[in-house]
Amino acid sequence: MTADEQKRAAGEAAAELVEPGMTVGLGTGSTAAWFVKALAARNLPVRGVPTSEATATLARSLGIELIDLNDTGTLDLTVDGADEIAPGLALIKGGGAALLREKLVWAGSYRCVVIADAGKVLPRLGRFPLPIEVVAFGHKSTAARITALAWTTGIIADPVLRTSNGAPVRTDGGNLIYDLPCGAIEDPAALAAALNDLTGVVDHGLFLGLAERALIGTDRGVVTLYP
């Protein structure tokens, strides 16, 4: 199976977890898009909370009823992709620049399921640069503080401002994204805690202790991983 076929298989398997009447968090990215399409095909009476404007546009086009996060209580289930999955279901997310909205929806859900192709499963986090969402005001000084913080955790690297067509990438919330090329993250929890305390950082792509399971598309079919 190609990586895209594996993503589709994982997304379709996740759609089978949805039951009528649920409020469902709809993730962002190419794998999550397969889940949204499979969910729409089931034609269930559900409500979706999108984690990005791109996902909202896709869901509306497929006839999924949407609800704002402010207008719902705890979500029944959130399904989303990941850029990396390590043991314990430690994740790096944010390649689609929706990490803050994704984390807000994840934090508001009873259950969170991550879906991915087999290439996303690694022995440890860090091959994929860690996305860090920062306030636009004074972002260069924030980037300098990120560099200093990274050094204290053994990561000798400078964060890189994410751009597209020569302009900084803006999140749906109007913030900027810096990508930190870690190489390897020996202590994800310590790095996450340090970034949470850094002035100017809105959030980061380390999703730890949030996923209850992962559905991984492989050449042998969909495999389930647990923390």
N, C-alpha and C. Protein backbone atom coordinates (compact mmCIF):
# COMPACT_ATOMS: atom_id res chain seq x y z
N MET A 1 0.84 -1.20 0.00
CA MET A 1 0.00 0.00 0.00
C MET A 1 0.87 1.25 0.00
N THR A 2 0.44 2.25 -0.73
CA THR A 2 1.13 3.53 -0.67
C THR A 2 0.80 4.21 0.66
N ALA A 3 1.56 5.26 0.98
CA ALA A 3 1.30 5.99 2.22
C ALA A 3 -0.12 6.57 2.20
N ASP A 4 -0.57 7.05 1.05
CA ASP A 4 -1.91 7.63 0.98
C ASP A 4 -2.98 6.56 1.17
N GLU A 5 -2.73 5.36 0.64
CA GLU A 5 -3.67 4.26 0.85
C GLU A 5 -3.72 3.86 2.33
N GLN A 6 -2.58 3.90 2.98
CA GLN A 6 -2.55 3.59 4.41
C GLN A 6 -3.31 4.66 5.21
N LYS A 7 -3.14 5.92 4.84
CA LYS A 7 -3.87 7.00 5.50
C LYS A 7 -5.38 6.81 5.33
N ARG A 8 -5.78 6.46 4.13
CA ARG A 8 -7.20 6.26 3.87
C ARG A 8 -7.75 5.11 4.71
N ALA A 9 -7.02 4.01 4.78
CA ALA A 9 -7.46 2.86 5.57
C ALA A 9 -7.62 3.23 7.04
N ALA A 10 -6.67 4.00 7.57
CA ALA A 10 -6.75 4.42 8.97
C ALA A 10 -7.93 5.35 9.20
N GLY A 11 -8.14 6.28 8.26
CA GLY A 11 -9.27 7.20 8.39
C GLY A 11 -10.60 6.49 8.34
N GLU A 12 -10.72 5.51 7.47
CA GLU A 12 -11.98 4.77 7.36
C GLU A 12 -12.22 3.91 8.60
N ALA A 13 -11.15 3.35 9.17
CA ALA A 13 -11.29 2.56 10.40
C ALA A 13 -11.74 3.45 11.55
N ALA A 14 -11.21 4.66 11.62
CA ALA A 14 -11.59 5.58 12.69
C ALA A 14 -13.05 6.01 12.56
N ALA A 15 -13.54 6.15 11.35
CA ALA A 15 -14.93 6.55 11.15
C ALA A 15 -15.89 5.52 11.71
N GLU A 16 -15.46 4.27 11.79
CA GLU A 16 -16.31 3.21 12.34
C GLU A 16 -16.48 3.34 13.85
N LEU A 17 -15.64 4.15 14.50
CA LEU A 17 -15.76 4.37 15.94
C LEU A 17 -16.86 5.37 16.30
N VAL A 18 -17.34 6.10 15.31
CA VAL A 18 -18.33 7.14 15.55
C VAL A 18 -19.72 6.53 15.63
N GLU A 19 -20.49 6.97 16.62
CA GLU A 19 -21.85 6.49 16.82
C GLU A 19 -22.84 7.63 16.63
N PRO A 20 -24.08 7.32 16.26
CA PRO A 20 -25.08 8.36 16.07
C PRO A 20 -25.23 9.24 17.31
N GLY A 21 -25.37 10.54 17.08
CA GLY A 21 -25.57 11.49 18.17
C GLY A 21 -24.31 12.05 18.76
N MET A 22 -23.15 11.55 18.34
CA MET A 22 -21.89 12.02 18.89
C MET A 22 -21.54 13.44 18.42
N THR A 23 -20.79 14.13 19.25
CA THR A 23 -20.10 15.35 18.84
C THR A 23 -18.64 14.98 18.66
N VAL A 24 -18.12 15.24 17.45
CA VAL A 24 -16.83 14.69 17.05
C VAL A 24 -15.86 15.80 16.65
N GLY A 25 -14.66 15.76 17.22
CA GLY A 25 -13.61 16.68 16.80
C GLY A 25 -13.02 16.20 15.48
N LEU A 26 -12.94 17.11 14.52
CA LEU A 26 -12.46 16.79 13.18
C LEU A 26 -11.07 17.37 12.99
N GLY A 27 -10.08 16.50 12.85
CA GLY A 27 -8.70 16.94 12.77
C GLY A 27 -8.36 17.61 11.45
N THR A 28 -7.09 17.99 11.36
CA THR A 28 -6.60 18.73 10.20
C THR A 28 -5.45 17.96 9.55
N GLY A 29 -5.38 18.03 8.22
CA GLY A 29 -4.30 17.39 7.49
C GLY A 29 -4.80 16.33 6.54
N SER A 30 -3.87 15.75 5.78
CA SER A 30 -4.24 14.81 4.73
C SER A 30 -4.86 13.53 5.27
N THR A 31 -4.38 13.03 6.41
CA THR A 31 -4.95 11.81 6.98
C THR A 31 -6.32 12.09 7.58
N ALA A 32 -6.43 13.19 8.31
CA ALA A 32 -7.72 13.55 8.91
C ALA A 32 -8.78 13.79 7.83
N ALA A 33 -8.36 14.27 6.68
CA ALA A 33 -9.32 14.50 5.59
C ALA A 33 -9.98 13.19 5.16
N TRP A 34 -9.21 12.09 5.16
CA TRP A 34 -9.80 10.79 4.82
C TRP A 34 -10.84 10.39 5.87
N PHE A 35 -10.57 10.70 7.13
CA PHE A 35 -11.56 10.41 8.17
C PHE A 35 -12.83 11.23 7.95
N VAL A 36 -12.70 12.50 7.66
CA VAL A 36 -13.87 13.36 7.44
C VAL A 36 -14.71 12.83 6.28
N LYS A 37 -14.04 12.43 5.20
CA LYS A 37 -14.77 11.89 4.04
C LYS A 37 -15.48 10.59 4.39
N ALA A 38 -14.81 9.71 5.15
CA ALA A 38 -15.42 8.44 5.54
C ALA A 38 -16.58 8.66 6.49
N LEU A 39 -16.45 9.63 7.39
CA LEU A 39 -17.54 9.95 8.31
C LEU A 39 -18.75 10.47 7.56
N ALA A 40 -18.53 11.34 6.59
CA ALA A 40 -19.64 11.86 5.79
C ALA A 40 -20.34 10.75 5.03
N ALA A 41 -19.56 9.77 4.55
CA ALA A 41 -20.13 8.67 3.77
C ALA A 41 -21.06 7.80 4.63
N ARG A 42 -20.82 7.78 5.96
CA ARG A 42 -21.67 6.98 6.84
C ARG A 42 -23.02 7.66 7.08
N ASN A 43 -23.10 8.97 6.82
CA ASN A 43 -24.36 9.71 6.90
C ASN A 43 -25.03 9.56 8.26
N LEU A 44 -24.26 9.70 9.33
CA LEU A 44 -24.79 9.59 10.68
C LEU A 44 -25.25 10.95 11.19
N PRO A 45 -26.22 10.98 12.11
CA PRO A 45 -26.60 12.23 12.75
C PRO A 45 -25.58 12.61 13.82
N VAL A 46 -24.54 13.31 13.40
CA VAL A 46 -23.49 13.74 14.31
C VAL A 46 -23.22 15.22 14.09
N ARG A 47 -22.48 15.80 15.04
CA ARG A 47 -22.03 17.18 14.90
C ARG A 47 -20.51 17.19 14.97
N GLY A 48 -19.90 18.01 14.12
CA GLY A 48 -18.45 18.07 14.08
C GLY A 48 -17.91 19.40 14.58
N VAL A 49 -16.79 19.34 15.27
CA VAL A 49 -16.07 20.54 15.69
C VAL A 49 -14.75 20.56 14.92
N PRO A 50 -14.61 21.42 13.91
CA PRO A 50 -13.41 21.41 13.08
C PRO A 50 -12.23 22.08 13.79
N THR A 51 -11.03 21.57 13.53
CA THR A 51 -9.84 22.14 14.14
C THR A 51 -9.15 23.18 13.24
N SER A 52 -9.71 23.44 12.08
CA SER A 52 -9.16 24.46 11.18
C SER A 52 -10.22 24.90 10.21
N GLU A 53 -9.98 26.04 9.57
CA GLU A 53 -10.92 26.52 8.55
C GLU A 53 -10.91 25.58 7.35
N ALA A 54 -9.75 25.00 7.04
CA ALA A 54 -9.69 24.06 5.92
C ALA A 54 -10.58 22.85 6.17
N THR A 55 -10.53 22.32 7.38
CA THR A 55 -11.38 21.17 7.72
C THR A 55 -12.84 21.57 7.73
N ALA A 56 -13.14 22.77 8.22
CA ALA A 56 -14.52 23.23 8.23
C ALA A 56 -15.08 23.31 6.81
N THR A 57 -14.28 23.80 5.89
CA THR A 57 -14.72 23.92 4.49
C THR A 57 -14.99 22.53 3.91
N LEU A 58 -14.09 21.58 4.17
CA LEU A 58 -14.29 20.22 3.67
C LEU A 58 -15.54 19.60 4.27
N ALA A 59 -15.72 19.72 5.58
CA ALA A 59 -16.86 19.10 6.25
C ALA A 59 -18.18 19.68 5.74
N ARG A 60 -18.23 20.99 5.58
CA ARG A 60 -19.46 21.61 5.07
C ARG A 60 -19.78 21.11 3.66
N SER A 61 -18.75 20.97 2.84
CA SER A 61 -18.97 20.53 1.46
C SER A 61 -19.52 19.11 1.40
N LEU A 62 -19.28 18.34 2.48
CA LEU A 62 -19.73 16.95 2.53
C LEU A 62 -21.02 16.80 3.33
N GLY A 63 -21.56 17.90 3.82
CA GLY A 63 -22.85 17.86 4.50
C GLY A 63 -22.79 17.53 5.98
N ILE A 64 -21.62 17.63 6.61
CA ILE A 64 -21.51 17.37 8.05
C ILE A 64 -21.93 18.62 8.82
N GLU A 65 -22.82 18.46 9.78
CA GLU A 65 -23.24 19.58 10.61
C GLU A 65 -22.08 19.99 11.52
N LEU A 66 -21.80 21.28 11.58
CA LEU A 66 -20.71 21.78 12.39
C LEU A 66 -21.22 22.60 13.56
N ILE A 67 -20.45 22.58 14.64
CA ILE A 67 -20.78 23.34 15.84
C ILE A 67 -19.50 23.96 16.36
N ASP A 68 -19.61 25.17 16.92
CA ASP A 68 -18.45 25.84 17.48
C ASP A 68 -18.07 25.21 18.82
N LEU A 69 -16.79 25.21 19.11
CA LEU A 69 -16.32 24.64 20.38
C LEU A 69 -16.95 25.35 21.57
N ASN A 70 -17.25 26.64 21.42
CA ASN A 70 -17.87 27.40 22.51
C ASN A 70 -19.29 26.95 22.80
N ASP A 71 -19.90 26.27 21.84
CA ASP A 71 -21.32 25.93 21.96
C ASP A 71 -21.56 24.46 22.30
N THR A 72 -20.52 23.77 22.68
CA THR A 72 -20.68 22.37 23.05
C THR A 72 -19.98 22.11 24.37
N GLY A 73 -20.39 21.04 25.03
CA GLY A 73 -19.68 20.62 26.24
C GLY A 73 -18.48 19.78 25.85
N THR A 74 -18.23 18.74 26.59
CA THR A 74 -17.13 17.84 26.26
C THR A 74 -17.46 17.04 25.00
N LEU A 75 -16.52 16.96 24.09
CA LEU A 75 -16.73 16.19 22.86
C LEU A 75 -16.63 14.71 23.18
N ASP A 76 -17.37 13.91 22.42
CA ASP A 76 -17.33 12.46 22.63
C ASP A 76 -16.04 11.85 22.11
N LEU A 77 -15.57 12.35 20.98
CA LEU A 77 -14.43 11.73 20.31
C LEU A 77 -13.77 12.75 19.39
N THR A 78 -12.45 12.74 19.36
CA THR A 78 -11.70 13.52 18.37
C THR A 78 -10.79 12.57 17.61
N VAL A 79 -10.76 12.73 16.30
CA VAL A 79 -9.89 11.92 15.43
C VAL A 79 -9.01 12.88 14.64
N ASP A 80 -7.71 12.64 14.68
CA ASP A 80 -6.77 13.57 14.06
C ASP A 80 -5.52 12.82 13.64
N GLY A 81 -4.76 13.40 12.75
CA GLY A 81 -3.51 12.81 12.32
C GLY A 81 -2.35 13.26 13.18
N ALA A 82 -1.15 12.84 12.83
CA ALA A 82 0.07 13.24 13.54
C ALA A 82 1.24 13.20 12.58
N ASP A 83 2.25 13.99 12.87
CA ASP A 83 3.47 13.99 12.07
C ASP A 83 4.45 12.94 12.55
N GLU A 84 4.41 12.63 13.84
CA GLU A 84 5.22 11.56 14.42
C GLU A 84 4.48 10.92 15.58
N ILE A 85 4.68 9.61 15.73
CA ILE A 85 4.09 8.85 16.85
C ILE A 85 5.21 8.02 17.47
N ALA A 86 5.48 8.25 18.75
CA ALA A 86 6.53 7.53 19.47
C ALA A 86 5.90 6.64 20.53
N PRO A 87 6.68 5.78 21.18
CA PRO A 87 6.13 4.93 22.25
C PRO A 87 5.37 5.75 23.30
N GLY A 88 4.30 5.13 23.83
CA GLY A 88 3.44 5.84 24.77
C GLY A 88 2.47 6.76 24.09
N LEU A 89 2.43 6.71 22.76
CA LEU A 89 1.61 7.61 21.93
C LEU A 89 1.95 9.07 22.20
N ALA A 90 3.24 9.33 22.40
CA ALA A 90 3.73 10.71 22.38
C ALA A 90 3.74 11.17 20.93
N LEU A 91 3.24 12.37 20.68
CA LEU A 91 3.03 12.83 19.31
C LEU A 91 3.72 14.16 19.05
N ILE A 92 4.10 14.36 17.80
CA ILE A 92 4.37 15.69 17.26
C ILE A 92 3.29 15.97 16.24
N LYS A 93 2.64 17.12 16.39
CA LYS A 93 1.62 17.58 15.46
C LYS A 93 1.91 19.03 15.11
N GLY A 94 1.21 19.53 14.11
CA GLY A 94 1.35 20.93 13.75
C GLY A 94 1.90 21.19 12.38
N GLY A 95 2.15 20.11 11.61
CA GLY A 95 2.61 20.31 10.25
C GLY A 95 1.62 21.08 9.39
N GLY A 96 0.35 21.00 9.76
CA GLY A 96 -0.68 21.73 9.04
C GLY A 96 -0.98 23.09 9.62
N ALA A 97 -0.17 23.54 10.58
CA ALA A 97 -0.27 24.87 11.19
C ALA A 97 -1.58 25.09 11.94
N ALA A 98 -2.15 24.00 12.48
CA ALA A 98 -3.41 24.13 13.23
C ALA A 98 -3.25 23.63 14.66
N LEU A 99 -2.00 23.61 15.17
CA LEU A 99 -1.74 22.93 16.43
C LEU A 99 -2.50 23.49 17.62
N LEU A 100 -2.67 24.81 17.72
CA LEU A 100 -3.39 25.37 18.87
C LEU A 100 -4.85 24.94 18.85
N ARG A 101 -5.50 25.11 17.73
CA ARG A 101 -6.92 24.71 17.65
C ARG A 101 -7.06 23.20 17.84
N GLU A 102 -6.13 22.45 17.29
CA GLU A 102 -6.18 21.00 17.48
C GLU A 102 -6.07 20.65 18.97
N LYS A 103 -5.12 21.27 19.66
CA LYS A 103 -4.93 20.93 21.07
C LYS A 103 -6.12 21.35 21.91
N LEU A 104 -6.76 22.47 21.57
CA LEU A 104 -7.97 22.90 22.29
C LEU A 104 -9.09 21.87 22.14
N VAL A 105 -9.25 21.36 20.93
CA VAL A 105 -10.30 20.36 20.69
C VAL A 105 -9.93 19.05 21.37
N TRP A 106 -8.67 18.64 21.27
CA TRP A 106 -8.24 17.42 21.95
C TRP A 106 -8.48 17.51 23.45
N ALA A 107 -8.13 18.66 24.03
CA ALA A 107 -8.26 18.82 25.48
C ALA A 107 -9.72 18.80 25.92
N GLY A 108 -10.62 19.09 25.00
CA GLY A 108 -12.04 19.12 25.33
C GLY A 108 -12.78 17.84 24.99
N SER A 109 -12.04 16.73 24.74
CA SER A 109 -12.65 15.48 24.30
C SER A 109 -12.49 14.38 25.34
N TYR A 110 -13.53 13.54 25.46
CA TYR A 110 -13.43 12.34 26.29
C TYR A 110 -12.38 11.38 25.75
N ARG A 111 -12.38 11.21 24.42
CA ARG A 111 -11.49 10.25 23.78
C ARG A 111 -10.83 10.91 22.58
N CYS A 112 -9.53 10.61 22.40
CA CYS A 112 -8.79 11.11 21.25
C CYS A 112 -8.10 9.95 20.56
N VAL A 113 -8.31 9.84 19.27
CA VAL A 113 -7.72 8.77 18.47
C VAL A 113 -6.86 9.41 17.39
N VAL A 114 -5.62 8.95 17.29
CA VAL A 114 -4.72 9.45 16.27
C VAL A 114 -4.65 8.44 15.13
N ILE A 115 -4.62 8.94 13.91
CA ILE A 115 -4.56 8.09 12.73
C ILE A 115 -3.37 8.48 11.88
N ALA A 116 -2.73 7.48 11.25
CA ALA A 116 -1.52 7.78 10.49
C ALA A 116 -1.15 6.60 9.60
N ASP A 117 -0.24 6.87 8.67
CA ASP A 117 0.38 5.79 7.91
C ASP A 117 1.55 5.24 8.70
N ALA A 118 2.06 4.08 8.30
CA ALA A 118 3.09 3.39 9.07
C ALA A 118 4.38 4.19 9.18
N GLY A 119 4.65 5.06 8.23
CA GLY A 119 5.88 5.83 8.25
C GLY A 119 5.96 6.86 9.36
N LYS A 120 4.83 7.12 10.01
CA LYS A 120 4.82 8.12 11.09
C LYS A 120 5.22 7.52 12.44
N VAL A 121 5.32 6.21 12.54
CA VAL A 121 5.64 5.55 13.81
C VAL A 121 7.15 5.41 13.93
N LEU A 122 7.71 6.00 15.00
CA LEU A 122 9.15 6.06 15.20
C LEU A 122 9.53 5.66 16.63
N PRO A 123 10.78 5.28 16.85
CA PRO A 123 11.19 4.90 18.21
C PRO A 123 11.27 6.07 19.17
N ARG A 124 11.42 7.30 18.65
CA ARG A 124 11.41 8.49 19.50
C ARG A 124 11.08 9.70 18.64
N LEU A 125 10.65 10.77 19.30
CA LEU A 125 10.26 11.99 18.59
C LEU A 125 11.48 12.83 18.21
N GLY A 126 11.31 13.62 17.15
CA GLY A 126 12.32 14.60 16.82
C GLY A 126 12.79 14.64 15.39
N ARG A 127 12.52 13.61 14.62
CA ARG A 127 12.93 13.65 13.21
C ARG A 127 12.18 14.76 12.48
N PHE A 128 10.88 14.90 12.78
CA PHE A 128 10.08 15.97 12.20
C PHE A 128 10.29 17.23 13.04
N PRO A 129 10.61 18.37 12.43
CA PRO A 129 10.81 19.59 13.22
C PRO A 129 9.59 19.91 14.07
N LEU A 130 9.84 20.32 15.31
CA LEU A 130 8.76 20.61 16.25
C LEU A 130 8.13 21.97 15.95
N PRO A 131 6.84 22.00 15.57
CA PRO A 131 6.18 23.29 15.34
C PRO A 131 5.90 23.99 16.67
N ILE A 132 6.16 25.29 16.69
CA ILE A 132 5.91 26.11 17.87
C ILE A 132 5.15 27.35 17.41
N GLU A 133 3.95 27.52 17.93
CA GLU A 133 3.11 28.67 17.55
C GLU A 133 3.43 29.83 18.47
N VAL A 134 3.74 30.99 17.89
CA VAL A 134 4.13 32.16 18.68
C VAL A 134 3.30 33.38 18.28
N VAL A 135 3.20 34.33 19.22
CA VAL A 135 2.56 35.61 18.94
C VAL A 135 3.41 36.37 17.93
N ALA A 136 2.77 37.03 16.97
CA ALA A 136 3.51 37.73 15.93
C ALA A 136 4.32 38.90 16.49
N PHE A 137 3.79 39.59 17.49
CA PHE A 137 4.48 40.73 18.08
C PHE A 137 5.78 40.25 18.75
N GLY A 138 6.90 40.81 18.32
CA GLY A 138 8.18 40.46 18.91
C GLY A 138 8.60 39.03 18.67
N HIS A 139 8.17 38.45 17.56
CA HIS A 139 8.41 37.01 17.36
C HIS A 139 9.89 36.66 17.24
N LYS A 140 10.72 37.59 16.77
CA LYS A 140 12.15 37.28 16.66
C LYS A 140 12.79 37.15 18.05
N SER A 141 12.33 37.97 18.99
CA SER A 141 12.86 37.83 20.35
C SER A 141 12.36 36.54 20.99
N THR A 142 11.13 36.15 20.66
CA THR A 142 10.63 34.86 21.15
C THR A 142 11.45 33.72 20.58
N ALA A 143 11.80 33.81 19.30
CA ALA A 143 12.61 32.78 18.67
C ALA A 143 13.97 32.66 19.36
N ALA A 144 14.55 33.79 19.76
CA ALA A 144 15.83 33.76 20.47
C ALA A 144 15.70 33.06 21.82
N ARG A 145 14.57 33.27 22.50
CA ARG A 145 14.34 32.58 23.77
C ARG A 145 14.14 31.08 23.56
N ILE A 146 13.50 30.71 22.44
CA ILE A 146 13.34 29.29 22.12
C ILE A 146 14.70 28.64 21.90
N THR A 147 15.59 29.34 21.19
CA THR A 147 16.94 28.81 20.97
C THR A 147 17.66 28.57 22.29
N ALA A 148 17.60 29.55 23.18
CA ALA A 148 18.27 29.42 24.48
C ALA A 148 17.68 28.27 25.29
N LEU A 149 16.36 28.16 25.25
CA LEU A 149 15.69 27.07 25.98
C LEU A 149 16.10 25.72 25.41
N ALA A 150 16.13 25.63 24.08
CA ALA A 150 16.50 24.36 23.44
C ALA A 150 17.89 23.91 23.88
N TRP A 151 18.81 24.84 23.96
CA TRP A 151 20.18 24.50 24.37
C TRP A 151 20.17 23.89 25.76
N THR A 152 19.34 24.40 26.66
CA THR A 152 19.32 23.87 28.04
C THR A 152 18.80 22.44 28.09
N THR A 153 18.07 22.02 27.05
CA THR A 153 17.54 20.65 27.01
C THR A 153 18.36 19.76 26.09
N GLY A 154 19.52 20.26 25.64
CA GLY A 154 20.41 19.46 24.81
C GLY A 154 20.11 19.50 23.33
N ILE A 155 19.24 20.40 22.91
CA ILE A 155 18.91 20.53 21.49
C ILE A 155 19.66 21.74 20.93
N ILE A 156 20.67 21.51 20.13
CA ILE A 156 21.49 22.59 19.59
C ILE A 156 20.95 22.93 18.21
N ALA A 157 19.98 23.81 18.17
CA ALA A 157 19.33 24.16 16.91
C ALA A 157 18.63 25.50 17.05
N ASP A 158 18.43 26.15 15.92
CA ASP A 158 17.69 27.41 15.88
C ASP A 158 16.33 27.17 15.24
N PRO A 159 15.26 27.73 15.82
CA PRO A 159 13.94 27.61 15.19
C PRO A 159 13.89 28.40 13.88
N VAL A 160 13.15 27.87 12.93
CA VAL A 160 13.05 28.48 11.60
C VAL A 160 11.62 28.97 11.37
N LEU A 161 11.48 30.23 11.03
CA LEU A 161 10.16 30.78 10.75
C LEU A 161 9.56 30.09 9.53
N ARG A 162 8.37 29.56 9.66
CA ARG A 162 7.72 28.89 8.53
C ARG A 162 7.16 29.92 7.56
N THR A 163 7.49 29.76 6.29
CA THR A 163 7.03 30.69 5.26
C THR A 163 6.39 29.92 4.11
N SER A 164 5.62 30.65 3.33
CA SER A 164 5.02 30.11 2.11
C SER A 164 4.99 31.21 1.07
N ASN A 165 5.57 30.96 -0.08
CA ASN A 165 5.66 31.96 -1.14
C ASN A 165 6.30 33.25 -0.65
N GLY A 166 7.30 33.10 0.22
CA GLY A 166 8.06 34.24 0.67
C GLY A 166 7.47 35.01 1.84
N ALA A 167 6.30 34.59 2.30
CA ALA A 167 5.63 35.29 3.40
C ALA A 167 5.46 34.35 4.58
N PRO A 168 5.48 34.89 5.81
CA PRO A 168 5.29 34.03 6.98
C PRO A 168 3.92 33.35 6.95
N VAL A 169 3.90 32.08 7.33
CA VAL A 169 2.64 31.34 7.44
C VAL A 169 1.89 31.85 8.67
N ARG A 170 0.62 32.16 8.49
CA ARG A 170 -0.23 32.59 9.60
C ARG A 170 -1.22 31.48 9.95
N THR A 171 -1.36 31.22 11.23
CA THR A 171 -2.36 30.24 11.66
C THR A 171 -3.75 30.87 11.55
N ASP A 172 -4.78 30.04 11.75
CA ASP A 172 -6.14 30.58 11.72
C ASP A 172 -6.35 31.62 12.82
N GLY A 173 -5.54 31.57 13.87
CA GLY A 173 -5.62 32.56 14.95
C GLY A 173 -4.74 33.77 14.73
N GLY A 174 -4.07 33.84 13.58
CA GLY A 174 -3.24 35.00 13.27
C GLY A 174 -1.83 34.93 13.83
N ASN A 175 -1.44 33.80 14.38
CA ASN A 175 -0.11 33.65 14.95
C ASN A 175 0.88 33.13 13.90
N LEU A 176 2.16 33.07 14.29
CA LEU A 176 3.21 32.55 13.41
C LEU A 176 3.68 31.19 13.90
N ILE A 177 4.36 30.47 13.01
CA ILE A 177 4.90 29.15 13.35
C ILE A 177 6.41 29.16 13.17
N TYR A 178 7.10 28.73 14.22
CA TYR A 178 8.53 28.44 14.10
C TYR A 178 8.69 26.93 14.21
N ASP A 179 9.56 26.37 13.35
CA ASP A 179 9.83 24.94 13.38
C ASP A 179 11.22 24.71 13.95
N LEU A 180 11.29 23.90 15.02
CA LEU A 180 12.55 23.64 15.70
C LEU A 180 13.08 22.27 15.28
N PRO A 181 14.20 22.21 14.53
CA PRO A 181 14.76 20.93 14.09
C PRO A 181 15.52 20.24 15.22
N CYS A 182 14.84 19.43 15.98
CA CYS A 182 15.40 18.85 17.20
C CYS A 182 16.38 17.71 16.92
N GLY A 183 16.12 16.94 15.87
CA GLY A 183 16.93 15.75 15.63
C GLY A 183 16.47 14.59 16.49
N ALA A 184 16.46 14.79 17.79
CA ALA A 184 15.94 13.80 18.73
C ALA A 184 15.52 14.53 19.99
N ILE A 185 14.37 14.16 20.53
CA ILE A 185 13.88 14.76 21.77
C ILE A 185 13.98 13.69 22.85
N GLU A 186 14.97 13.83 23.71
CA GLU A 186 15.21 12.80 24.73
C GLU A 186 14.17 12.84 25.85
N ASP A 187 13.67 14.03 26.17
CA ASP A 187 12.69 14.18 27.26
C ASP A 187 11.56 15.09 26.80
N PRO A 188 10.58 14.55 26.05
CA PRO A 188 9.50 15.37 25.53
C PRO A 188 8.73 16.12 26.61
N ALA A 189 8.50 15.49 27.75
CA ALA A 189 7.73 16.12 28.81
C ALA A 189 8.44 17.36 29.35
N ALA A 190 9.75 17.27 29.54
CA ALA A 190 10.51 18.41 30.04
C ALA A 190 10.51 19.56 29.02
N LEU A 191 10.67 19.22 27.75
CA LEU A 191 10.65 20.25 26.72
C LEU A 191 9.28 20.91 26.63
N ALA A 192 8.22 20.11 26.71
CA ALA A 192 6.86 20.66 26.66
C ALA A 192 6.62 21.61 27.82
N ALA A 193 7.02 21.22 29.02
CA ALA A 193 6.82 22.06 30.19
C ALA A 193 7.59 23.38 30.06
N ALA A 194 8.81 23.32 29.56
CA ALA A 194 9.61 24.53 29.39
C ALA A 194 8.99 25.47 28.36
N LEU A 195 8.52 24.92 27.26
CA LEU A 195 7.88 25.76 26.24
C LEU A 195 6.60 26.37 26.75
N ASN A 196 5.85 25.64 27.57
CA ASN A 196 4.60 26.18 28.13
C ASN A 196 4.86 27.43 28.96
N ASP A 197 6.03 27.54 29.55
CA ASP A 197 6.36 28.67 30.42
C ASP A 197 7.06 29.82 29.70
N LEU A 198 7.28 29.68 28.40
CA LEU A 198 8.07 30.67 27.67
C LEU A 198 7.17 31.79 27.14
N THR A 199 7.47 33.02 27.54
CA THR A 199 6.69 34.18 27.09
C THR A 199 6.76 34.32 25.58
N GLY A 200 5.62 34.51 24.96
CA GLY A 200 5.54 34.65 23.51
C GLY A 200 5.12 33.39 22.80
N VAL A 201 5.30 32.24 23.46
CA VAL A 201 4.86 30.96 22.88
C VAL A 201 3.38 30.76 23.20
N VAL A 202 2.59 30.55 22.17
CA VAL A 202 1.17 30.29 22.34
C VAL A 202 0.94 28.82 22.65
N ASP A 203 1.56 27.95 21.88
CA ASP A 203 1.49 26.51 22.13
C ASP A 203 2.53 25.83 21.25
N HIS A 204 2.62 24.52 21.36
CA HIS A 204 3.62 23.76 20.63
C HIS A 204 3.02 22.44 20.18
N GLY A 205 3.76 21.74 19.33
CA GLY A 205 3.24 20.53 18.71
C GLY A 205 3.48 19.25 19.47
N LEU A 206 3.92 19.31 20.71
CA LEU A 206 4.04 18.10 21.52
C LEU A 206 2.70 17.77 22.15
N PHE A 207 2.12 16.67 21.75
CA PHE A 207 0.85 16.18 22.28
C PHE A 207 1.17 14.94 23.11
N LEU A 208 1.16 15.10 24.42
CA LEU A 208 1.60 14.03 25.32
C LEU A 208 0.46 13.63 26.24
N GLY A 209 0.25 12.32 26.38
CA GLY A 209 -0.78 11.83 27.29
C GLY A 209 -2.19 12.15 26.88
N LEU A 210 -2.43 12.35 25.60
CA LEU A 210 -3.77 12.75 25.13
C LEU A 210 -4.46 11.66 24.31
N ALA A 211 -3.71 10.90 23.52
CA ALA A 211 -4.31 9.89 22.64
C ALA A 211 -4.57 8.59 23.40
N GLU A 212 -5.79 8.06 23.23
CA GLU A 212 -6.11 6.77 23.88
C GLU A 212 -5.69 5.58 23.03
N ARG A 213 -5.58 5.82 21.73
CA ARG A 213 -5.12 4.77 20.82
C ARG A 213 -4.69 5.40 19.50
N ALA A 214 -3.96 4.63 18.73
CA ALA A 214 -3.58 5.04 17.38
C ALA A 214 -4.01 3.96 16.41
N LEU A 215 -4.57 4.37 15.30
CA LEU A 215 -4.92 3.46 14.22
C LEU A 215 -3.93 3.72 13.08
N ILE A 216 -3.11 2.72 12.79
CA ILE A 216 -2.01 2.87 11.85
C ILE A 216 -2.27 2.02 10.61
N GLY A 217 -2.32 2.66 9.47
CA GLY A 217 -2.46 1.93 8.22
C GLY A 217 -1.13 1.29 7.83
N THR A 218 -1.15 -0.01 7.58
CA THR A 218 0.07 -0.73 7.19
C THR A 218 -0.24 -1.63 6.00
N ASP A 219 0.80 -2.27 5.49
CA ASP A 219 0.60 -3.22 4.39
C ASP A 219 -0.18 -4.45 4.84
N ARG A 220 -0.28 -4.65 6.16
CA ARG A 220 -1.02 -5.80 6.71
C ARG A 220 -2.42 -5.40 7.17
N GLY A 221 -2.82 -4.19 6.87
CA GLY A 221 -4.10 -3.67 7.32
C GLY A 221 -3.90 -2.64 8.42
N VAL A 222 -4.98 -2.30 9.12
CA VAL A 222 -4.92 -1.26 10.15
C VAL A 222 -4.55 -1.91 11.48
N VAL A 223 -3.48 -1.40 12.09
CA VAL A 223 -2.98 -1.90 13.37
C VAL A 223 -3.31 -0.89 14.46
N THR A 224 -3.75 -1.37 15.63
CA THR A 224 -4.07 -0.49 16.75
C THR A 224 -2.93 -0.48 17.75
N LEU A 225 -2.49 0.72 18.13
CA LEU A 225 -1.48 0.91 19.15
C LEU A 225 -2.09 1.59 20.37
N TYR A 226 -1.63 1.22 21.55
CA TYR A 226 -2.11 1.84 22.79
C TYR A 226 -0.92 2.43 23.53
N PRO A 227 -1.18 3.38 24.46
CA PRO A 227 -0.08 3.98 25.22
C PRO A 227 0.70 2.93 26.02
